[in-house]
Amino acid sequence: MKKTLIAIALTVLVTAAQAGTIEMKVYGLVCGFCAQGIEKTLRKNPATADVVVSLENKLVAVSTRDGQDISDSDLTKALTDSGYDVKAITRTQRSLADIRAELGKAGK
């Protein structure tokens, strides 16, 4: 039992230490200037590795640096303070390259 608990704890720690992607459904995005502003705002956070914004899909995705995270409340505050409405936040292991590829296919 003790070994099982240790194994579970290690798995959780390893998973938490991996870089992840945070995908957000954001309303109020209407132009390229909006996208640039969001990118600039989110890149100020030292845990941010990269950002993708899709106006068409109302999607903002942030990849975090290894072993770092950005809380949902910090993300929501940054976006709502900029005038946007955050509808949903999901944490995934999809890379931003995969998201960009998917968005590129959807635009064709």
PDB file of N, CA and C in Angstrom:
ATOM      1  N   MET A   1       0.819  -1.191   0.000  1.00  0.00           N
ATOM      2  CA  MET A   1       0.000   0.000   0.000  1.00  0.00           C
ATOM      3  C   MET A   1       0.865   1.259   0.000  1.00  0.00           C
ATOM      4  N   LYS A   2       1.908   1.246   0.824  1.00  0.00           N
ATOM      5  CA  LYS A   2       2.790   2.399   0.930  1.00  0.00           C
ATOM      6  C   LYS A   2       3.519   2.648  -0.393  1.00  0.00           C
ATOM      7  N   LYS A   3       3.962   1.568  -1.049  1.00  0.00           N
ATOM      8  CA  LYS A   3       4.654   1.696  -2.336  1.00  0.00           C
ATOM      9  C   LYS A   3       3.705   2.258  -3.391  1.00  0.00           C
ATOM     10  N   THR A   4       2.451   1.841  -3.344  1.00  0.00           N
ATOM     11  CA  THR A   4       1.462   2.342  -4.302  1.00  0.00           C
ATOM     12  C   THR A   4       1.252   3.838  -4.122  1.00  0.00           C
ATOM     13  N   LEU A   5       1.150   4.287  -2.881  1.00  0.00           N
ATOM     14  CA  LEU A   5       0.973   5.711  -2.611  1.00  0.00           C
ATOM     15  C   LEU A   5       2.181   6.520  -3.066  1.00  0.00           C
ATOM     16  N   ILE A   6       3.358   5.992  -2.855  1.00  0.00           N
ATOM     17  CA  ILE A   6       4.574   6.676  -3.295  1.00  0.00           C
ATOM     18  C   ILE A   6       4.606   6.756  -4.819  1.00  0.00           C
ATOM     19  N   ALA A   7       4.249   5.673  -5.489  1.00  0.00           N
ATOM     20  CA  ALA A   7       4.222   5.661  -6.954  1.00  0.00           C
ATOM     21  C   ALA A   7       3.218   6.679  -7.490  1.00  0.00           C
ATOM     22  N   ILE A   8       2.060   6.756  -6.879  1.00  0.00           N
ATOM     23  CA  ILE A   8       1.042   7.721  -7.300  1.00  0.00           C
ATOM     24  C   ILE A   8       1.548   9.149  -7.082  1.00  0.00           C
ATOM     25  N   ALA A   9       2.156   9.395  -5.930  1.00  0.00           N
ATOM     26  CA  ALA A   9       2.675  10.727  -5.628  1.00  0.00           C
ATOM     27  C   ALA A   9       3.752  11.134  -6.626  1.00  0.00           C
ATOM     28  N   LEU A  10       4.633  10.216  -6.976  1.00  0.00           N
ATOM     29  CA  LEU A  10       5.684  10.516  -7.956  1.00  0.00           C
ATOM     30  C   LEU A  10       5.092  10.793  -9.327  1.00  0.00           C
ATOM     31  N   THR A  11       4.087  10.047  -9.713  1.00  0.00           N
ATOM     32  CA  THR A  11       3.435  10.262 -11.002  1.00  0.00           C
ATOM     33  C   THR A  11       2.806  11.652 -11.052  1.00  0.00           C
ATOM     34  N   VAL A  12       2.152  12.048  -9.982  1.00  0.00           N
ATOM     35  CA  VAL A  12       1.535  13.371  -9.920  1.00  0.00           C
ATOM     36  C   VAL A  12       2.605  14.456 -10.005  1.00  0.00           C
ATOM     37  N   LEU A  13       3.701  14.295  -9.289  1.00  0.00           N
ATOM     38  CA  LEU A  13       4.776  15.286  -9.316  1.00  0.00           C
ATOM     39  C   LEU A  13       5.409  15.404 -10.695  1.00  0.00           C
ATOM     40  N   VAL A  14       5.648  14.291 -11.352  1.00  0.00           N
ATOM     41  CA  VAL A  14       6.243  14.308 -12.687  1.00  0.00           C
ATOM     42  C   VAL A  14       5.292  14.978 -13.671  1.00  0.00           C
ATOM     43  N   THR A  15       4.033  14.646 -13.594  1.00  0.00           N
ATOM     44  CA  THR A  15       3.045  15.247 -14.489  1.00  0.00           C
ATOM     45  C   THR A  15       2.961  16.746 -14.258  1.00  0.00           C
ATOM     46  N   ALA A  16       2.984  17.172 -13.016  1.00  0.00           N
ATOM     47  CA  ALA A  16       2.894  18.595 -12.703  1.00  0.00           C
ATOM     48  C   ALA A  16       4.135  19.347 -13.157  1.00  0.00           C
ATOM     49  N   ALA A  17       5.282  18.673 -13.203  1.00  0.00           N
ATOM     50  CA  ALA A  17       6.526  19.327 -13.571  1.00  0.00           C
ATOM     51  C   ALA A  17       6.686  19.483 -15.080  1.00  0.00           C
ATOM     52  N   GLN A  18       5.914  18.746 -15.857  1.00  0.00           N
ATOM     53  CA  GLN A  18       6.008  18.842 -17.299  1.00  0.00           C
ATOM     54  C   GLN A  18       5.351  20.128 -17.782  1.00  0.00           C
ATOM     55  N   ALA A  19       5.910  20.654 -18.864  1.00  0.00           N
ATOM     56  CA  ALA A  19       5.282  21.827 -19.462  1.00  0.00           C
ATOM     57  C   ALA A  19       3.922  21.424 -19.982  1.00  0.00           C
ATOM     58  N   GLY A  20       2.973  22.291 -19.837  1.00  0.00           N
ATOM     59  CA  GLY A  20       1.630  21.991 -20.294  1.00  0.00           C
ATOM     60  C   GLY A  20       1.085  23.108 -21.148  1.00  0.00           C
ATOM     61  N   THR A  21      -0.112  22.892 -21.620  1.00  0.00           N
ATOM     62  CA  THR A  21      -0.795  23.893 -22.420  1.00  0.00           C
ATOM     63  C   THR A  21      -2.106  24.235 -21.741  1.00  0.00           C
ATOM     64  N   ILE A  22      -2.398  25.508 -21.685  1.00  0.00           N
ATOM     65  CA  ILE A  22      -3.640  25.991 -21.114  1.00  0.00           C
ATOM     66  C   ILE A  22      -4.443  26.587 -22.264  1.00  0.00           C
ATOM     67  N   GLU A  23      -5.612  26.010 -22.517  1.00  0.00           N
ATOM     68  CA  GLU A  23      -6.471  26.490 -23.593  1.00  0.00           C
ATOM     69  C   GLU A  23      -7.663  27.218 -22.980  1.00  0.00           C
ATOM     70  N   MET A  24      -7.947  28.393 -23.519  1.00  0.00           N
ATOM     71  CA  MET A  24      -9.037  29.205 -22.979  1.00  0.00           C
ATOM     72  C   MET A  24      -9.986  29.623 -24.090  1.00  0.00           C
ATOM     73  N   LYS A  25     -11.261  29.580 -23.800  1.00  0.00           N
ATOM     74  CA  LYS A  25     -12.296  30.103 -24.690  1.00  0.00           C
ATOM     75  C   LYS A  25     -12.515  31.539 -24.233  1.00  0.00           C
ATOM     76  N   VAL A  26     -12.234  32.494 -25.130  1.00  0.00           N
ATOM     77  CA  VAL A  26     -12.270  33.910 -24.760  1.00  0.00           C
ATOM     78  C   VAL A  26     -13.165  34.674 -25.734  1.00  0.00           C
ATOM     79  N   TYR A  27     -14.115  35.403 -25.200  1.00  0.00           N
ATOM     80  CA  TYR A  27     -15.019  36.205 -26.013  1.00  0.00           C
ATOM     81  C   TYR A  27     -14.593  37.670 -25.959  1.00  0.00           C
ATOM     82  N   GLY A  28     -14.861  38.381 -27.054  1.00  0.00           N
ATOM     83  CA  GLY A  28     -14.499  39.788 -27.135  1.00  0.00           C
ATOM     84  C   GLY A  28     -13.336  40.046 -28.074  1.00  0.00           C
ATOM     85  N   LEU A  29     -12.783  38.976 -28.653  1.00  0.00           N
ATOM     86  CA  LEU A  29     -11.685  39.111 -29.612  1.00  0.00           C
ATOM     87  C   LEU A  29     -12.274  39.507 -30.963  1.00  0.00           C
ATOM     88  N   VAL A  30     -11.893  40.677 -31.467  1.00  0.00           N
ATOM     89  CA  VAL A  30     -12.487  41.125 -32.726  1.00  0.00           C
ATOM     90  C   VAL A  30     -11.476  41.488 -33.807  1.00  0.00           C
ATOM     91  N   CYS A  31     -10.208  41.655 -33.453  1.00  0.00           N
ATOM     92  CA  CYS A  31      -9.248  42.085 -34.468  1.00  0.00           C
ATOM     93  C   CYS A  31      -7.831  41.623 -34.125  1.00  0.00           C
ATOM     94  N   GLY A  32      -6.945  41.826 -35.069  1.00  0.00           N
ATOM     95  CA  GLY A  32      -5.546  41.471 -34.866  1.00  0.00           C
ATOM     96  C   GLY A  32      -4.903  42.235 -33.722  1.00  0.00           C
ATOM     97  N   PHE A  33      -5.361  43.464 -33.510  1.00  0.00           N
ATOM     98  CA  PHE A  33      -4.843  44.256 -32.393  1.00  0.00           C
ATOM     99  C   PHE A  33      -5.182  43.590 -31.065  1.00  0.00           C
ATOM    100  N   CYS A  34      -6.391  43.012 -30.986  1.00  0.00           N
ATOM    101  CA  CYS A  34      -6.799  42.269 -29.784  1.00  0.00           C
ATOM    102  C   CYS A  34      -5.827  41.107 -29.541  1.00  0.00           C
ATOM    103  N   ALA A  35      -5.551  40.355 -30.600  1.00  0.00           N
ATOM    104  CA  ALA A  35      -4.659  39.196 -30.491  1.00  0.00           C
ATOM    105  C   ALA A  35      -3.268  39.619 -30.024  1.00  0.00           C
ATOM    106  N   GLN A  36      -2.740  40.701 -30.607  1.00  0.00           N
ATOM    107  CA  GLN A  36      -1.418  41.183 -30.201  1.00  0.00           C
ATOM    108  C   GLN A  36      -1.400  41.623 -28.747  1.00  0.00           C
ATOM    109  N   GLY A  37      -2.463  42.293 -28.325  1.00  0.00           N
ATOM    110  CA  GLY A  37      -2.537  42.745 -26.938  1.00  0.00           C
ATOM    111  C   GLY A  37      -2.568  41.593 -25.954  1.00  0.00           C
ATOM    112  N   ILE A  38      -3.339  40.562 -26.291  1.00  0.00           N
ATOM    113  CA  ILE A  38      -3.414  39.382 -25.429  1.00  0.00           C
ATOM    114  C   ILE A  38      -2.055  38.692 -25.360  1.00  0.00           C
ATOM    115  N   GLU A  39      -1.423  38.518 -26.522  1.00  0.00           N
ATOM    116  CA  GLU A  39      -0.099  37.883 -26.530  1.00  0.00           C
ATOM    117  C   GLU A  39       0.877  38.663 -25.657  1.00  0.00           C
ATOM    118  N   LYS A  40       0.906  39.962 -25.822  1.00  0.00           N
ATOM    119  CA  LYS A  40       1.830  40.807 -25.052  1.00  0.00           C
ATOM    120  C   LYS A  40       1.553  40.688 -23.554  1.00  0.00           C
ATOM    121  N   THR A  41       0.281  40.720 -23.182  1.00  0.00           N
ATOM    122  CA  THR A  41      -0.095  40.620 -21.774  1.00  0.00           C
ATOM    123  C   THR A  41       0.335  39.285 -21.175  1.00  0.00           C
ATOM    124  N   LEU A  42       0.040  38.191 -21.884  1.00  0.00           N
ATOM    125  CA  LEU A  42       0.343  36.863 -21.343  1.00  0.00           C
ATOM    126  C   LEU A  42       1.839  36.555 -21.352  1.00  0.00           C
ATOM    127  N   ARG A  43       2.580  37.122 -22.286  1.00  0.00           N
ATOM    128  CA  ARG A  43       4.034  36.896 -22.328  1.00  0.00           C
ATOM    129  C   ARG A  43       4.754  37.586 -21.168  1.00  0.00           C
ATOM    130  N   LYS A  44       4.108  38.521 -20.514  1.00  0.00           N
ATOM    131  CA  LYS A  44       4.710  39.182 -19.352  1.00  0.00           C
ATOM    132  C   LYS A  44       4.871  38.219 -18.179  1.00  0.00           C
ATOM    133  N   ASN A  45       4.059  37.163 -18.156  1.00  0.00           N
ATOM    134  CA  ASN A  45       4.149  36.189 -17.068  1.00  0.00           C
ATOM    135  C   ASN A  45       5.393  35.334 -17.284  1.00  0.00           C
ATOM    136  N   PRO A  46       6.281  35.241 -16.297  1.00  0.00           N
ATOM    137  CA  PRO A  46       7.528  34.483 -16.477  1.00  0.00           C
ATOM    138  C   PRO A  46       7.317  32.989 -16.725  1.00  0.00           C
ATOM    139  N   ALA A  47       6.138  32.459 -16.420  1.00  0.00           N
ATOM    140  CA  ALA A  47       5.872  31.036 -16.653  1.00  0.00           C
ATOM    141  C   ALA A  47       5.448  30.761 -18.099  1.00  0.00           C
ATOM    142  N   THR A  48       5.174  31.809 -18.865  1.00  0.00           N
ATOM    143  CA  THR A  48       4.711  31.650 -20.247  1.00  0.00           C
ATOM    144  C   THR A  48       5.876  31.330 -21.170  1.00  0.00           C
ATOM    145  N   ALA A  49       5.724  30.242 -21.937  1.00  0.00           N
ATOM    146  CA  ALA A  49       6.723  29.889 -22.948  1.00  0.00           C
ATOM    147  C   ALA A  49       6.294  30.401 -24.319  1.00  0.00           C
ATOM    148  N   ASP A  50       5.009  30.284 -24.648  1.00  0.00           N
ATOM    149  CA  ASP A  50       4.506  30.691 -25.957  1.00  0.00           C
ATOM    150  C   ASP A  50       2.999  30.915 -25.869  1.00  0.00           C
ATOM    151  N   VAL A  51       2.467  31.654 -26.843  1.00  0.00           N
ATOM    152  CA  VAL A  51       1.034  31.985 -26.855  1.00  0.00           C
ATOM    153  C   VAL A  51       0.513  31.872 -28.286  1.00  0.00           C
ATOM    154  N   VAL A  52      -0.703  31.335 -28.422  1.00  0.00           N
ATOM    155  CA  VAL A  52      -1.416  31.305 -29.696  1.00  0.00           C
ATOM    156  C   VAL A  52      -2.786  31.926 -29.459  1.00  0.00           C
ATOM    157  N   VAL A  53      -3.197  32.816 -30.369  1.00  0.00           N
ATOM    158  CA  VAL A  53      -4.522  33.424 -30.292  1.00  0.00           C
ATOM    159  C   VAL A  53      -5.221  33.211 -31.632  1.00  0.00           C
ATOM    160  N   SER A  54      -6.428  32.677 -31.582  1.00  0.00           N
ATOM    161  CA  SER A  54      -7.243  32.497 -32.780  1.00  0.00           C
ATOM    162  C   SER A  54      -8.537  33.277 -32.610  1.00  0.00           C
ATOM    163  N   LEU A  55      -8.678  34.343 -33.400  1.00  0.00           N
ATOM    164  CA  LEU A  55      -9.896  35.154 -33.346  1.00  0.00           C
ATOM    165  C   LEU A  55     -11.105  34.341 -33.779  1.00  0.00           C
ATOM    166  N   GLU A  56     -10.938  33.580 -34.863  1.00  0.00           N
ATOM    167  CA  GLU A  56     -12.045  32.810 -35.432  1.00  0.00           C
ATOM    168  C   GLU A  56     -12.595  31.777 -34.458  1.00  0.00           C
ATOM    169  N   ASN A  57     -11.711  31.155 -33.692  1.00  0.00           N
ATOM    170  CA  ASN A  57     -12.107  30.092 -32.769  1.00  0.00           C
ATOM    171  C   ASN A  57     -12.281  30.572 -31.332  1.00  0.00           C
ATOM    172  N   LYS A  58     -12.076  31.877 -31.121  1.00  0.00           N
ATOM    173  CA  LYS A  58     -12.155  32.448 -29.770  1.00  0.00           C
ATOM    174  C   LYS A  58     -11.251  31.674 -28.801  1.00  0.00           C
ATOM    175  N   LEU A  59     -10.068  31.304 -29.311  1.00  0.00           N
ATOM    176  CA  LEU A  59      -9.141  30.465 -28.560  1.00  0.00           C
ATOM    177  C   LEU A  59      -7.884  31.240 -28.202  1.00  0.00           C
ATOM    178  N   VAL A  60      -7.493  31.127 -26.949  1.00  0.00           N
ATOM    179  CA  VAL A  60      -6.193  31.607 -26.490  1.00  0.00           C
ATOM    180  C   VAL A  60      -5.521  30.408 -25.838  1.00  0.00           C
ATOM    181  N   ALA A  61      -4.343  30.049 -26.330  1.00  0.00           N
ATOM    182  CA  ALA A  61      -3.611  28.915 -25.768  1.00  0.00           C
ATOM    183  C   ALA A  61      -2.241  29.399 -25.296  1.00  0.00           C
ATOM    184  N   VAL A  62      -1.860  28.951 -24.122  1.00  0.00           N
ATOM    185  CA  VAL A  62      -0.585  29.324 -23.520  1.00  0.00           C
ATOM    186  C   VAL A  62       0.169  28.058 -23.178  1.00  0.00           C
ATOM    187  N   SER A  63       1.418  27.977 -23.614  1.00  0.00           N
ATOM    188  CA  SER A  63       2.255  26.867 -23.143  1.00  0.00           C
ATOM    189  C   SER A  63       3.123  27.421 -22.023  1.00  0.00           C
ATOM    190  N   THR A  64       3.310  26.603 -21.003  1.00  0.00           N
ATOM    191  CA  THR A  64       4.088  27.025 -19.845  1.00  0.00           C
ATOM    192  C   THR A  64       5.487  26.424 -19.898  1.00  0.00           C
ATOM    193  N   ARG A  65       6.378  27.070 -19.222  1.00  0.00           N
ATOM    194  CA  ARG A  65       7.763  26.577 -19.127  1.00  0.00           C
ATOM    195  C   ARG A  65       7.787  25.331 -18.241  1.00  0.00           C
ATOM    196  N   ASP A  66       8.794  24.492 -18.448  1.00  0.00           N
ATOM    197  CA  ASP A  66       8.930  23.266 -17.656  1.00  0.00           C
ATOM    198  C   ASP A  66       8.872  23.574 -16.167  1.00  0.00           C
ATOM    199  N   GLY A  67       8.016  22.830 -15.480  1.00  0.00           N
ATOM    200  CA  GLY A  67       7.919  22.942 -14.034  1.00  0.00           C
ATOM    201  C   GLY A  67       7.189  24.178 -13.536  1.00  0.00           C
ATOM    202  N   GLN A  68       6.599  24.954 -14.447  1.00  0.00           N
ATOM    203  CA  GLN A  68       5.905  26.166 -14.029  1.00  0.00           C
ATOM    204  C   GLN A  68       4.432  26.095 -14.426  1.00  0.00           C
ATOM    205  N   ASP A  69       3.647  26.946 -13.809  1.00  0.00           N
ATOM    206  CA  ASP A  69       2.221  26.971 -14.091  1.00  0.00           C
ATOM    207  C   ASP A  69       1.721  28.404 -13.920  1.00  0.00           C
ATOM    208  N   ILE A  70       0.565  28.661 -14.484  1.00  0.00           N
ATOM    209  CA  ILE A  70      -0.126  29.936 -14.298  1.00  0.00           C
ATOM    210  C   ILE A  70      -1.517  29.578 -13.787  1.00  0.00           C
ATOM    211  N   SER A  71      -1.907  30.156 -12.689  1.00  0.00           N
ATOM    212  CA  SER A  71      -3.205  29.806 -12.107  1.00  0.00           C
ATOM    213  C   SER A  71      -4.345  30.312 -12.987  1.00  0.00           C
ATOM    214  N   ASP A  72      -5.468  29.620 -12.897  1.00  0.00           N
ATOM    215  CA  ASP A  72      -6.665  30.036 -13.631  1.00  0.00           C
ATOM    216  C   ASP A  72      -7.054  31.460 -13.247  1.00  0.00           C
ATOM    217  N   SER A  73      -6.927  31.784 -11.966  1.00  0.00           N
ATOM    218  CA  SER A  73      -7.326  33.122 -11.517  1.00  0.00           C
ATOM    219  C   SER A  73      -6.409  34.201 -12.103  1.00  0.00           C
ATOM    220  N   ASP A  74      -5.110  33.914 -12.222  1.00  0.00           N
ATOM    221  CA  ASP A  74      -4.186  34.886 -12.827  1.00  0.00           C
ATOM    222  C   ASP A  74      -4.495  35.087 -14.310  1.00  0.00           C
ATOM    223  N   LEU A  75      -4.788  33.988 -15.005  1.00  0.00           N
ATOM    224  CA  LEU A  75      -5.131  34.088 -16.427  1.00  0.00           C
ATOM    225  C   LEU A  75      -6.435  34.860 -16.619  1.00  0.00           C
ATOM    226  N   THR A  76      -7.436  34.516 -15.818  1.00  0.00           N
ATOM    227  CA  THR A  76      -8.728  35.186 -15.920  1.00  0.00           C
ATOM    228  C   THR A  76      -8.585  36.672 -15.636  1.00  0.00           C
ATOM    229  N   LYS A  77      -7.833  37.010 -14.602  1.00  0.00           N
ATOM    230  CA  LYS A  77      -7.643  38.418 -14.236  1.00  0.00           C
ATOM    231  C   LYS A  77      -6.938  39.177 -15.353  1.00  0.00           C
ATOM    232  N   ALA A  78      -5.887  38.597 -15.919  1.00  0.00           N
ATOM    233  CA  ALA A  78      -5.147  39.273 -16.988  1.00  0.00           C
ATOM    234  C   ALA A  78      -6.050  39.560 -18.182  1.00  0.00           C
ATOM    235  N   LEU A  79      -6.897  38.604 -18.531  1.00  0.00           N
ATOM    236  CA  LEU A  79      -7.762  38.779 -19.695  1.00  0.00           C
ATOM    237  C   LEU A  79      -8.967  39.668 -19.408  1.00  0.00           C
ATOM    238  N   THR A  80      -9.575  39.511 -18.246  1.00  0.00           N
ATOM    239  CA  THR A  80     -10.734  40.359 -17.932  1.00  0.00           C
ATOM    240  C   THR A  80     -10.302  41.808 -17.698  1.00  0.00           C
ATOM    241  N   ASP A  81      -9.123  42.015 -17.113  1.00  0.00           N
ATOM    242  CA  ASP A  81      -8.605  43.373 -16.935  1.00  0.00           C
ATOM    243  C   ASP A  81      -8.338  44.042 -18.288  1.00  0.00           C
ATOM    244  N   SER A  82      -8.104  43.230 -19.318  1.00  0.00           N
ATOM    245  CA  SER A  82      -7.878  43.748 -20.670  1.00  0.00           C
ATOM    246  C   SER A  82      -9.181  43.892 -21.448  1.00  0.00           C
ATOM    247  N   GLY A  83     -10.305  43.523 -20.828  1.00  0.00           N
ATOM    248  CA  GLY A  83     -11.598  43.724 -21.465  1.00  0.00           C
ATOM    249  C   GLY A  83     -12.206  42.512 -22.139  1.00  0.00           C
ATOM    250  N   TYR A  84     -11.673  41.325 -21.864  1.00  0.00           N
ATOM    251  CA  TYR A  84     -12.172  40.111 -22.504  1.00  0.00           C
ATOM    252  C   TYR A  84     -12.934  39.255 -21.495  1.00  0.00           C
ATOM    253  N   ASP A  85     -13.730  38.349 -22.017  1.00  0.00           N
ATOM    254  CA  ASP A  85     -14.569  37.490 -21.189  1.00  0.00           C
ATOM    255  C   ASP A  85     -14.091  36.043 -21.335  1.00  0.00           C
ATOM    256  N   VAL A  86     -13.551  35.485 -20.265  1.00  0.00           N
ATOM    257  CA  VAL A  86     -13.054  34.107 -20.286  1.00  0.00           C
ATOM    258  C   VAL A  86     -14.209  33.171 -19.961  1.00  0.00           C
ATOM    259  N   LYS A  87     -14.542  32.289 -20.902  1.00  0.00           N
ATOM    260  CA  LYS A  87     -15.674  31.367 -20.736  1.00  0.00           C
ATOM    261  C   LYS A  87     -15.246  30.008 -20.197  1.00  0.00           C
ATOM    262  N   ALA A  88     -14.043  29.552 -20.557  1.00  0.00           N
ATOM    263  CA  ALA A  88     -13.596  28.227 -20.117  1.00  0.00           C
ATOM    264  C   ALA A  88     -12.072  28.168 -20.143  1.00  0.00           C
ATOM    265  N   ILE A  89     -11.518  27.406 -19.204  1.00  0.00           N
ATOM    266  CA  ILE A  89     -10.077  27.156 -19.160  1.00  0.00           C
ATOM    267  C   ILE A  89      -9.876  25.653 -19.041  1.00  0.00           C
ATOM    268  N   THR A  90      -9.055  25.106 -19.949  1.00  0.00           N
ATOM    269  CA  THR A  90      -8.770  23.676 -19.962  1.00  0.00           C
ATOM    270  C   THR A  90      -7.265  23.473 -20.023  1.00  0.00           C
ATOM    271  N   ARG A  91      -6.778  22.555 -19.231  1.00  0.00           N
ATOM    272  CA  ARG A  91      -5.352  22.206 -19.261  1.00  0.00           C
ATOM    273  C   ARG A  91      -5.178  20.909 -20.045  1.00  0.00           C
ATOM    274  N   THR A  92      -4.275  20.953 -21.019  1.00  0.00           N
ATOM    275  CA  THR A  92      -4.061  19.797 -21.886  1.00  0.00           C
ATOM    276  C   THR A  92      -2.573  19.529 -22.044  1.00  0.00           C
ATOM    277  N   GLN A  93      -2.252  18.455 -22.706  1.00  0.00           N
ATOM    278  CA  GLN A  93      -0.863  18.153 -23.049  1.00  0.00           C
ATOM    279  C   GLN A  93      -0.615  18.378 -24.549  1.00  0.00           C
ATOM    280  N   ARG A  94      -1.620  18.947 -25.254  1.00  0.00           N
ATOM    281  CA  ARG A  94      -1.424  19.262 -26.672  1.00  0.00           C
ATOM    282  C   ARG A  94      -0.373  20.355 -26.795  1.00  0.00           C
ATOM    283  N   SER A  95       0.497  20.214 -27.766  1.00  0.00           N
ATOM    284  CA  SER A  95       1.510  21.241 -27.975  1.00  0.00           C
ATOM    285  C   SER A  95       0.912  22.402 -28.762  1.00  0.00           C
ATOM    286  N   LEU A  96       1.545  23.563 -28.659  1.00  0.00           N
ATOM    287  CA  LEU A  96       1.076  24.689 -29.443  1.00  0.00           C
ATOM    288  C   LEU A  96       1.297  24.442 -30.929  1.00  0.00           C
ATOM    289  N   ALA A  97       2.301  23.644 -31.273  1.00  0.00           N
ATOM    290  CA  ALA A  97       2.505  23.290 -32.679  1.00  0.00           C
ATOM    291  C   ALA A  97       1.307  22.504 -33.205  1.00  0.00           C
ATOM    292  N   ASP A  98       0.792  21.579 -32.401  1.00  0.00           N
ATOM    293  CA  ASP A  98      -0.406  20.822 -32.796  1.00  0.00           C
ATOM    294  C   ASP A  98      -1.613  21.747 -32.940  1.00  0.00           C
ATOM    295  N   ILE A  99      -1.755  22.669 -32.016  1.00  0.00           N
ATOM    296  CA  ILE A  99      -2.879  23.607 -32.059  1.00  0.00           C
ATOM    297  C   ILE A  99      -2.768  24.489 -33.299  1.00  0.00           C
ATOM    298  N   ARG A 100      -1.560  25.003 -33.571  1.00  0.00           N
ATOM    299  CA  ARG A 100      -1.365  25.838 -34.768  1.00  0.00           C
ATOM    300  C   ARG A 100      -1.697  25.048 -36.034  1.00  0.00           C
ATOM    301  N   ALA A 101      -1.248  23.792 -36.098  1.00  0.00           N
ATOM    302  CA  ALA A 101      -1.530  22.954 -37.271  1.00  0.00           C
ATOM    303  C   ALA A 101      -3.031  22.742 -37.438  1.00  0.00           C
ATOM    304  N   GLU A 102      -3.709  22.479 -36.352  1.00  0.00           N
ATOM    305  CA  GLU A 102      -5.163  22.272 -36.383  1.00  0.00           C
ATOM    306  C   GLU A 102      -5.875  23.551 -36.840  1.00  0.00           C
ATOM    307  N   LEU A 103      -5.429  24.685 -36.332  1.00  0.00           N
ATOM    308  CA  LEU A 103      -6.033  25.960 -36.719  1.00  0.00           C
ATOM    309  C   LEU A 103      -5.765  26.257 -38.194  1.00  0.00           C
ATOM    310  N   GLY A 104      -4.584  25.884 -38.665  1.00  0.00           N
ATOM    311  CA  GLY A 104      -4.240  26.096 -40.072  1.00  0.00           C
ATOM    312  C   GLY A 104      -5.116  25.254 -40.996  1.00  0.00           C
ATOM    313  N   LYS A 105      -5.403  24.031 -40.603  1.00  0.00           N
ATOM    314  CA  LYS A 105      -6.263  23.148 -41.392  1.00  0.00           C
ATOM    315  C   LYS A 105      -7.696  23.662 -41.395  1.00  0.00           C
ATOM    316  N   ALA A 106      -8.138  24.188 -40.263  1.00  0.00           N
ATOM    317  CA  ALA A 106      -9.511  24.681 -40.161  1.00  0.00           C
ATOM    318  C   ALA A 106      -9.712  25.920 -41.033  1.00  0.00           C
ATOM    319  N   GLY A 107      -8.634  26.688 -41.246  1.00  0.00           N
ATOM    320  CA  GLY A 107      -8.737  27.908 -42.023  1.00  0.00           C
ATOM    321  C   GLY A 107      -8.735  27.671 -43.527  1.00  0.00           C
ATOM    322  N   LYS A 108      -8.483  26.439 -43.955  1.00  0.00           N
ATOM    323  CA  LYS A 108      -8.408  26.141 -45.386  1.00  0.00           C
ATOM    324  C   LYS A 108      -9.710  25.655 -45.943  1.00  0.00           C
TER     325      LYS A 108
END
